[in-house]
Amino acid sequence: MQDVTPRDRIAGLVLARPDRVLGMEPFMADVVQGIEEYFAGRRCSLLIEFTADVTGEIEIWRRWVAQEYVDGIVMVDLRSDDPRLDELARLRTPGVLLGGPELQAPITNVLVDNAEGARAAVRALADLGHRDIARVSGPRDMVHCQARDEAFIATCAERDVQGQLIEGDYSEESGRDATRQLLTGGRVPSAVVYDNDLMAIGGLTVAKELDVAVPEELSIIAWDDTAVARLAHPPLSVVTVDVHGLGTIVGEAILAAMDGADVTTYHVPKPTIRLTPSTISRK
């Protein structure tokens, strides 16, 4: 009788991004690299597709499951009242959520303390003497953006700092638009915290166009310690998380879920601040 070798397992990841966020942003590229590193030698691979929105993501999930393409699904960017949680339960497919509130999601999640990252950014800037700080967020229907917004505003109040919020969509273009609004408005901040490196690069571009010197007139902090942030001019101060390490944890979590492990929460180290020449004291 001929032996039948079981096929390698496949985990699926759909990235729902607006059209102007072309391809995979640096943060997610580092996460994917970490996942694939963990999968190496474990007979598992990662399938990635792109779509414009959550509706398209669910359609892809249904196709995958109907055609038995995947053995598990990695879900990112939890939204308010997110329909994907119910859909994942209906599909009866093992899943892992990157992010999301601890123990409130009915699937295994890898928890990043987004609120602490926002608090740390405000504290660092306030300690440097900044009294008017803006935050350019990702889409506000995303739960992690809401956590960052709330912590940002609360910490500004605690430190007697003026705080402004502007919504972006993670694209460089939205970073340019938000920065232009901030630097040409009635109240110009002395520092801006961007929700990702691409929006911060857009901010640097507009600051140069408007002859606003970074960091002498405008200090900048970006989320995520990526190569893009390190290679910017000047190199960007960052809210730093080991993004590659985060990916390896996601890889471990989805493999465990596909093996039938109980729902649990994986914790990653709290974000910290790494200051570079894009941020200086205003004292």
Protein backbone atom coordinates (compact mmCIF):
# COMPACT_ATOMS: atom_id res chain seq x y z
CA MET A 1 0.00 0.00 0.00
CA GLN A 2 1.40 3.38 -1.00
CA ASP A 3 2.04 5.88 1.79
CA VAL A 4 0.21 9.18 1.44
CA THR A 5 2.28 12.12 2.64
CA PRO A 6 0.11 14.83 4.18
CA ARG A 7 0.42 18.19 2.49
CA ASP A 8 2.02 21.17 4.16
CA ARG A 9 -0.41 23.34 6.07
CA ILE A 10 -1.27 26.82 4.85
CA ALA A 11 -2.22 29.87 6.90
CA GLY A 12 -4.03 32.66 5.08
CA LEU A 13 -3.68 36.40 5.59
CA VAL A 14 -5.77 39.03 3.79
CA LEU A 15 -4.67 42.66 3.92
CA ALA A 16 -7.54 45.10 3.39
CA ARG A 17 -5.95 48.37 2.31
CA PRO A 18 -7.11 51.45 0.39
CA ASP A 19 -5.93 51.70 -3.20
CA ARG A 20 -3.37 54.38 -2.41
CA VAL A 21 -1.59 52.14 0.10
CA LEU A 22 0.25 50.22 -2.60
CA GLY A 23 1.46 46.73 -1.75
CA MET A 24 2.55 45.85 1.77
CA GLU A 25 3.60 48.61 4.16
CA PRO A 26 6.93 48.12 6.00
CA PHE A 27 5.33 47.13 9.32
CA MET A 28 3.34 44.30 7.77
CA ALA A 29 6.29 43.22 5.64
CA ASP A 30 8.32 42.74 8.83
CA VAL A 31 5.45 40.85 10.48
CA VAL A 32 5.17 38.54 7.47
CA GLN A 33 8.90 37.92 7.50
CA GLY A 34 8.64 36.89 11.15
CA ILE A 35 5.72 34.54 10.46
CA GLU A 36 7.56 32.89 7.58
CA GLU A 37 10.71 32.52 9.66
CA TYR A 38 8.72 30.66 12.31
CA PHE A 39 7.09 28.47 9.65
CA ALA A 40 10.46 27.50 8.16
CA GLY A 41 11.09 23.79 8.74
CA ARG A 42 7.62 23.27 10.22
CA ARG A 43 5.87 22.33 6.96
CA CYS A 44 3.66 25.40 6.92
CA SER A 45 3.46 28.32 4.51
CA LEU A 46 1.68 31.66 4.36
CA LEU A 47 -0.82 32.66 1.65
CA ILE A 48 -1.37 36.43 1.27
CA GLU A 49 -4.01 38.29 -0.73
CA PHE A 50 -4.93 41.97 -0.93
CA THR A 51 -8.35 43.59 -1.11
CA ALA A 52 -9.89 47.02 -0.65
CA ASP A 53 -12.07 46.42 2.41
CA VAL A 54 -13.41 44.01 5.01
CA THR A 55 -16.22 42.85 2.72
CA GLY A 56 -13.66 41.76 0.16
CA GLU A 57 -11.65 40.06 2.90
CA ILE A 58 -14.62 37.95 3.96
CA GLU A 59 -15.26 36.95 0.35
CA ILE A 60 -11.67 35.75 0.06
CA TRP A 61 -11.97 33.78 3.30
CA ARG A 62 -15.10 32.05 2.01
CA ARG A 63 -13.38 31.11 -1.23
CA TRP A 64 -10.36 29.79 0.60
CA VAL A 65 -12.41 27.61 2.93
CA ALA A 66 -14.78 26.37 0.21
CA GLN A 67 -11.80 25.29 -1.91
CA GLU A 68 -9.81 24.02 1.10
CA TYR A 69 -6.93 26.33 0.36
CA VAL A 70 -6.12 27.16 3.99
CA ASP A 71 -5.98 25.44 7.37
CA GLY A 72 -6.04 28.62 9.44
CA ILE A 73 -6.53 32.38 9.09
CA VAL A 74 -4.52 35.28 10.50
CA MET A 75 -6.71 38.33 11.06
CA VAL A 76 -5.37 41.87 11.51
CA ASP A 77 -6.77 45.37 12.15
CA LEU A 78 -9.81 44.56 14.29
CA ARG A 79 -12.64 47.04 13.67
CA SER A 80 -15.51 48.23 15.85
CA ASP A 81 -18.39 45.74 15.51
CA ASP A 82 -16.17 43.68 13.23
CA PRO A 83 -18.18 41.20 11.11
CA ARG A 84 -15.11 39.03 10.57
CA LEU A 85 -15.26 37.51 14.05
CA ASP A 86 -18.70 36.01 13.42
CA GLU A 87 -17.65 34.96 9.93
CA LEU A 88 -14.59 33.16 11.23
CA ALA A 89 -16.75 31.29 13.74
CA ARG A 90 -19.23 30.38 10.97
CA LEU A 91 -16.44 29.05 8.78
CA ARG A 92 -15.16 26.88 11.67
CA THR A 93 -11.59 27.66 10.70
CA PRO A 94 -8.78 28.11 13.28
CA GLY A 95 -7.82 31.74 13.55
CA VAL A 96 -5.48 34.18 15.26
CA LEU A 97 -6.02 37.90 15.70
CA LEU A 98 -3.03 40.23 15.73
CA GLY A 99 -4.08 42.90 18.19
CA GLY A 100 -7.44 43.37 19.82
CA PRO A 101 -8.59 43.67 23.42
CA GLU A 102 -7.31 41.01 25.78
CA LEU A 103 -9.63 38.00 26.23
CA GLN A 104 -12.57 39.82 24.60
CA ALA A 105 -12.13 38.23 21.20
CA PRO A 106 -13.41 34.66 20.75
CA ILE A 107 -10.18 33.61 19.02
CA THR A 108 -6.55 33.47 20.05
CA ASN A 109 -4.98 36.91 19.90
CA VAL A 110 -1.48 38.36 19.97
CA LEU A 111 -1.80 41.46 22.13
CA VAL A 112 0.17 44.65 21.58
CA ASP A 113 -0.26 47.35 24.23
CA ASN A 114 -1.14 50.18 21.85
CA ALA A 115 -2.28 52.47 24.64
CA GLU A 116 1.11 52.28 26.37
CA GLY A 117 2.88 53.19 23.14
CA ALA A 118 0.76 56.33 22.79
CA ARG A 119 1.31 57.24 26.45
CA ALA A 120 5.07 56.76 26.10
CA ALA A 121 5.20 59.04 23.05
CA VAL A 122 3.38 61.87 24.83
CA ARG A 123 5.51 61.49 27.96
CA ALA A 124 8.73 61.57 25.95
CA LEU A 125 7.71 64.74 24.11
CA ALA A 126 6.35 66.43 27.24
CA ASP A 127 9.62 65.67 29.05
CA LEU A 128 11.41 67.46 26.18
CA GLY A 129 9.26 70.55 26.75
CA HIS A 130 6.70 70.15 23.96
CA ARG A 131 3.37 71.74 24.95
CA ASP A 132 1.36 71.28 21.72
CA ILE A 133 1.44 67.79 20.20
CA ALA A 134 -0.56 66.40 17.28
CA ARG A 135 -1.31 62.80 16.46
CA VAL A 136 -1.98 61.54 12.93
CA SER A 137 -3.88 58.30 13.36
CA GLY A 138 -4.77 55.39 11.17
CA PRO A 139 -8.46 54.73 10.38
CA ARG A 140 -10.45 55.34 13.54
CA ASP A 141 -12.73 52.36 13.07
CA MET A 142 -9.71 50.18 13.90
CA VAL A 143 -9.67 49.19 17.57
CA HIS A 144 -5.93 49.70 18.00
CA CYS A 145 -6.22 53.26 16.64
CA GLN A 146 -9.02 53.97 19.11
CA ALA A 147 -6.84 52.71 21.97
CA ARG A 148 -3.99 54.95 20.85
CA ASP A 149 -6.30 57.97 20.43
CA GLU A 150 -7.81 57.60 23.91
CA ALA A 151 -4.43 57.12 25.58
CA PHE A 152 -2.95 60.06 23.66
CA ILE A 153 -5.68 62.48 24.73
CA ALA A 154 -5.67 61.24 28.34
CA THR A 155 -1.91 61.55 28.67
CA CYS A 156 -1.89 65.01 27.09
CA ALA A 157 -4.38 66.07 29.77
CA GLU A 158 -2.29 64.48 32.53
CA ARG A 159 0.84 66.33 31.35
CA ASP A 160 -0.96 69.66 30.70
CA VAL A 161 -0.21 69.42 26.98
CA GLN A 162 -2.46 70.56 24.13
CA GLY A 163 -3.36 67.57 21.95
CA GLN A 164 -4.75 67.45 18.40
CA LEU A 165 -6.03 64.42 16.47
CA ILE A 166 -6.19 64.02 12.69
CA GLU A 167 -7.24 60.82 10.96
CA GLY A 168 -5.16 59.30 8.17
CA ASP A 169 -5.29 55.96 6.38
CA TYR A 170 -1.67 54.75 6.74
CA SER A 171 -0.71 56.02 3.27
CA GLU A 172 2.10 58.48 2.65
CA GLU A 173 -0.42 60.72 0.89
CA SER A 174 -2.65 60.92 3.97
CA GLY A 175 0.43 61.82 6.03
CA ARG A 176 1.14 64.67 3.65
CA ASP A 177 -2.46 65.89 3.75
CA ALA A 178 -2.65 65.77 7.55
CA THR A 179 0.69 67.51 8.01
CA ARG A 180 -0.21 70.28 5.59
CA GLN A 181 -3.43 70.84 7.55
CA LEU A 182 -1.49 70.99 10.82
CA LEU A 183 1.29 73.28 9.62
CA THR A 184 -0.98 75.76 7.86
CA GLY A 185 -3.70 75.89 10.52
CA GLY A 186 -4.29 78.34 13.31
CA ARG A 187 -2.53 76.23 15.93
CA VAL A 188 0.75 74.72 14.73
CA PRO A 189 2.08 71.89 16.93
CA SER A 190 5.72 71.62 17.92
CA ALA A 191 5.62 67.81 17.54
CA VAL A 192 3.63 65.21 15.61
CA VAL A 193 3.22 61.51 16.37
CA TYR A 194 2.33 59.48 13.28
CA ASP A 195 0.65 56.08 13.41
CA ASN A 196 3.12 54.57 10.94
CA ASP A 197 6.36 55.31 9.13
CA LEU A 198 4.81 55.99 5.71
CA MET A 199 2.62 58.81 7.05
CA ALA A 200 5.66 60.23 8.85
CA ILE A 201 7.61 60.23 5.57
CA GLY A 202 4.73 62.18 4.04
CA GLY A 203 5.00 64.59 6.96
CA LEU A 204 8.72 65.09 6.38
CA THR A 205 8.02 65.88 2.72
CA VAL A 206 5.46 68.55 3.52
CA ALA A 207 7.59 70.08 6.27
CA LYS A 208 10.39 70.51 3.73
CA GLU A 209 7.99 72.02 1.17
CA LEU A 210 6.77 74.55 3.74
CA ASP A 211 10.29 75.35 5.02
CA VAL A 212 9.49 73.97 8.46
CA ALA A 213 12.77 72.60 9.81
CA VAL A 214 12.80 69.13 11.37
CA PRO A 215 13.57 68.90 14.24
CA GLU A 216 14.28 72.58 15.00
CA GLU A 217 10.69 73.69 14.38
CA LEU A 218 8.88 70.35 14.28
CA SER A 219 9.74 67.14 16.11
CA ILE A 220 8.47 63.85 14.70
CA ILE A 221 7.83 60.39 16.19
CA ALA A 222 6.53 57.48 14.12
CA TRP A 223 5.11 54.13 15.12
CA ASP A 224 7.25 51.08 14.37
CA ASP A 225 10.99 50.68 14.14
CA THR A 226 11.30 49.78 10.45
CA ALA A 227 14.04 50.24 7.87
CA VAL A 228 11.98 53.09 6.38
CA ALA A 229 12.10 54.95 9.69
CA ARG A 230 15.82 54.33 10.13
CA LEU A 231 16.71 55.43 6.59
CA ALA A 232 14.64 58.64 6.62
CA HIS A 233 16.41 62.01 6.73
CA PRO A 234 16.62 62.70 9.56
CA PRO A 235 16.16 59.18 10.98
CA LEU A 236 12.80 59.01 12.72
CA SER A 237 12.23 58.70 16.44
CA VAL A 238 9.94 55.72 16.91
CA VAL A 239 7.48 53.96 19.14
CA THR A 240 9.38 50.73 18.93
CA VAL A 241 8.11 47.18 19.01
CA ASP A 242 10.11 44.18 17.83
CA VAL A 243 7.96 43.82 14.71
CA HIS A 244 9.87 40.82 13.35
CA GLY A 245 9.57 39.17 16.76
CA LEU A 246 5.87 39.99 16.75
CA GLY A 247 5.58 38.06 13.50
CA THR A 248 7.26 35.00 14.97
CA ILE A 249 4.75 35.03 17.83
CA VAL A 250 1.89 35.22 15.32
CA GLY A 251 3.42 32.26 13.48
CA GLU A 252 3.64 30.28 16.72
CA ALA A 253 0.05 31.20 17.62
CA ILE A 254 -1.54 30.20 14.30
CA LEU A 255 0.34 26.89 14.22
CA ALA A 256 -0.90 26.15 17.73
CA ALA A 257 -4.45 27.08 16.73
CA MET A 258 -4.29 24.77 13.72
CA ASP A 259 -3.09 22.03 16.08
CA GLY A 260 -6.25 22.48 18.17
CA ALA A 261 -4.86 24.53 21.06
CA ASP A 262 -7.28 26.36 23.38
CA VAL A 263 -8.05 30.04 22.78
CA THR A 264 -5.49 32.18 24.58
CA THR A 265 -3.74 35.55 24.57
CA TYR A 266 -0.07 35.92 23.65
CA HIS A 267 1.57 39.01 25.14
CA VAL A 268 4.45 40.90 23.56
CA PRO A 269 6.81 43.34 25.35
CA LYS A 270 5.41 46.82 25.88
CA PRO A 271 6.35 49.45 23.30
CA THR A 272 9.15 51.87 24.18
CA ILE A 273 10.43 55.12 22.67
CA ARG A 274 13.71 55.42 20.77
CA LEU A 275 14.64 59.04 20.19
CA THR A 276 16.72 60.09 17.17
CA PRO A 277 17.62 63.42 15.50
CA SER A 278 14.00 63.89 14.34
CA THR A 279 13.09 64.93 17.89
CA ILE A 280 14.71 67.59 20.09
CA SER A 281 14.05 69.46 23.31
CA ARG A 282 11.96 72.63 23.35
CA LYS A 283 13.05 73.66 26.84
